[in-house]
Amino acid sequence: MRHGRVPDRHPPVSRVICEIACILIADPAARFAELGAGYYSSGNPQRQTRSRIRELERLNPGMKVTLTPIEPTGTAA
């Protein structure tokens, strides 16, 4: 039994890496700056909440998601 050719998913990533390398090599003043681990997680909390609510409502057609604040149970020691 012959299997079909496995699609190669690396060329788009390789192209981006090559473009970055060419930019850094061509311009001696250019410097690569690592964005860091928390770059994408520092978003707007209200927007993230709205996005999650829309996602839940999309996954559950006909249902409406409402958030109710919880009352504090006391102070932590």
C-alpha atoms as a PDB file:
ATOM      1  CA  MET A   1       0.000   0.000   0.000  1.00  0.00           C
ATOM      2  CA  ARG A   2       1.521   3.309  -1.088  1.00  0.00           C
ATOM      3  CA  HIS A   3       1.022   6.371   0.959  1.00  0.00           C
ATOM      4  CA  GLY A   4       0.754   9.847  -0.452  1.00  0.00           C
ATOM      5  CA  ARG A   5       3.444  12.434   0.019  1.00  0.00           C
ATOM      6  CA  VAL A   6       3.379  14.036   3.443  1.00  0.00           C
ATOM      7  CA  PRO A   7       2.831  17.794   3.094  1.00  0.00           C
ATOM      8  CA  ASP A   8       5.913  19.781   3.987  1.00  0.00           C
ATOM      9  CA  ARG A   9       4.991  22.461   6.521  1.00  0.00           C
ATOM     10  CA  HIS A  10       8.463  23.860   7.091  1.00  0.00           C
ATOM     11  CA  PRO A  11       8.989  26.155   4.058  1.00  0.00           C
ATOM     12  CA  PRO A  12       6.863  29.053   5.440  1.00  0.00           C
ATOM     13  CA  VAL A  13       8.805  29.004   8.707  1.00  0.00           C
ATOM     14  CA  SER A  14      12.105  28.646   6.868  1.00  0.00           C
ATOM     15  CA  ARG A  15      11.252  31.612   4.659  1.00  0.00           C
ATOM     16  CA  VAL A  16      10.527  33.830   7.667  1.00  0.00           C
ATOM     17  CA  ILE A  17      13.788  32.799   9.342  1.00  0.00           C
ATOM     18  CA  CYS A  18      15.687  33.523   6.119  1.00  0.00           C
ATOM     19  CA  GLU A  19      14.051  36.949   5.812  1.00  0.00           C
ATOM     20  CA  ILE A  20      15.012  37.843   9.383  1.00  0.00           C
ATOM     21  CA  ALA A  21      18.564  36.632   8.794  1.00  0.00           C
ATOM     22  CA  CYS A  22      18.845  38.696   5.581  1.00  0.00           C
ATOM     23  CA  ILE A  23      17.616  41.828   7.340  1.00  0.00           C
ATOM     24  CA  LEU A  24      20.059  41.362  10.222  1.00  0.00           C
ATOM     25  CA  ILE A  25      22.986  40.652   7.875  1.00  0.00           C
ATOM     26  CA  ALA A  26      22.202  43.520   5.467  1.00  0.00           C
ATOM     27  CA  ASP A  27      21.914  46.197   8.170  1.00  0.00           C
ATOM     28  CA  PRO A  28      24.794  46.163  10.685  1.00  0.00           C
ATOM     29  CA  ALA A  29      22.889  48.559  12.962  1.00  0.00           C
ATOM     30  CA  ALA A  30      19.860  46.246  13.174  1.00  0.00           C
ATOM     31  CA  ARG A  31      19.536  44.202  16.342  1.00  0.00           C
ATOM     32  CA  PHE A  32      17.217  41.297  17.084  1.00  0.00           C
ATOM     33  CA  ALA A  33      15.116  41.884  20.180  1.00  0.00           C
ATOM     34  CA  GLU A  34      13.514  38.857  21.857  1.00  0.00           C
ATOM     35  CA  LEU A  35       9.935  39.724  22.794  1.00  0.00           C
ATOM     36  CA  GLY A  36       9.953  37.607  25.932  1.00  0.00           C
ATOM     37  CA  ALA A  37       7.672  35.010  27.452  1.00  0.00           C
ATOM     38  CA  GLY A  38       4.928  37.389  28.583  1.00  0.00           C
ATOM     39  CA  TYR A  39       4.624  39.395  25.354  1.00  0.00           C
ATOM     40  CA  TYR A  40       1.339  37.874  24.195  1.00  0.00           C
ATOM     41  CA  SER A  41      -0.142  37.291  27.649  1.00  0.00           C
ATOM     42  CA  SER A  42      -0.173  40.949  28.676  1.00  0.00           C
ATOM     43  CA  GLY A  43      -3.436  41.673  26.906  1.00  0.00           C
ATOM     44  CA  ASN A  44      -6.547  43.469  28.016  1.00  0.00           C
ATOM     45  CA  PRO A  45      -8.384  41.354  30.653  1.00  0.00           C
ATOM     46  CA  GLN A  46     -11.816  42.736  29.694  1.00  0.00           C
ATOM     47  CA  ARG A  47     -11.238  41.865  26.044  1.00  0.00           C
ATOM     48  CA  GLN A  48     -10.101  38.358  27.015  1.00  0.00           C
ATOM     49  CA  THR A  49     -13.254  37.931  29.111  1.00  0.00           C
ATOM     50  CA  ARG A  50     -15.513  39.043  26.237  1.00  0.00           C
ATOM     51  CA  SER A  51     -13.660  36.719  23.870  1.00  0.00           C
ATOM     52  CA  ARG A  52     -14.106  33.718  26.191  1.00  0.00           C
ATOM     53  CA  ILE A  53     -17.816  34.507  26.640  1.00  0.00           C
ATOM     54  CA  ARG A  54     -18.312  34.681  22.855  1.00  0.00           C
ATOM     55  CA  GLU A  55     -16.422  31.398  22.473  1.00  0.00           C
ATOM     56  CA  LEU A  56     -18.614  29.652  25.057  1.00  0.00           C
ATOM     57  CA  GLU A  57     -21.780  31.016  23.437  1.00  0.00           C
ATOM     58  CA  ARG A  58     -20.588  29.859  20.022  1.00  0.00           C
ATOM     59  CA  LEU A  59     -19.884  26.364  21.383  1.00  0.00           C
ATOM     60  CA  ASN A  60     -23.318  26.221  23.053  1.00  0.00           C
ATOM     61  CA  PRO A  61     -25.893  27.534  20.556  1.00  0.00           C
ATOM     62  CA  GLY A  62     -29.028  28.933  22.155  1.00  0.00           C
ATOM     63  CA  MET A  63     -27.301  29.488  25.497  1.00  0.00           C
ATOM     64  CA  LYS A  64     -26.412  32.845  27.051  1.00  0.00           C
ATOM     65  CA  VAL A  65     -23.369  33.177  29.301  1.00  0.00           C
ATOM     66  CA  THR A  66     -23.620  35.556  32.237  1.00  0.00           C
ATOM     67  CA  LEU A  67     -20.968  36.287  34.814  1.00  0.00           C
ATOM     68  CA  THR A  68     -21.883  36.947  38.412  1.00  0.00           C
ATOM     69  CA  PRO A  69     -19.295  38.216  40.861  1.00  0.00           C
ATOM     70  CA  ILE A  70     -18.493  35.987  43.807  1.00  0.00           C
ATOM     71  CA  GLU A  71     -18.664  37.384  47.289  1.00  0.00           C
ATOM     72  CA  PRO A  72     -15.441  37.313  49.255  1.00  0.00           C
ATOM     73  CA  THR A  73     -15.435  34.635  51.940  1.00  0.00           C
ATOM     74  CA  GLY A  74     -13.042  36.482  54.208  1.00  0.00           C
ATOM     75  CA  THR A  75      -9.452  37.601  54.372  1.00  0.00           C
ATOM     76  CA  ALA A  76      -6.583  35.222  53.789  1.00  0.00           C
ATOM     77  CA  ALA A  77      -4.259  34.739  56.719  1.00  0.00           C
END
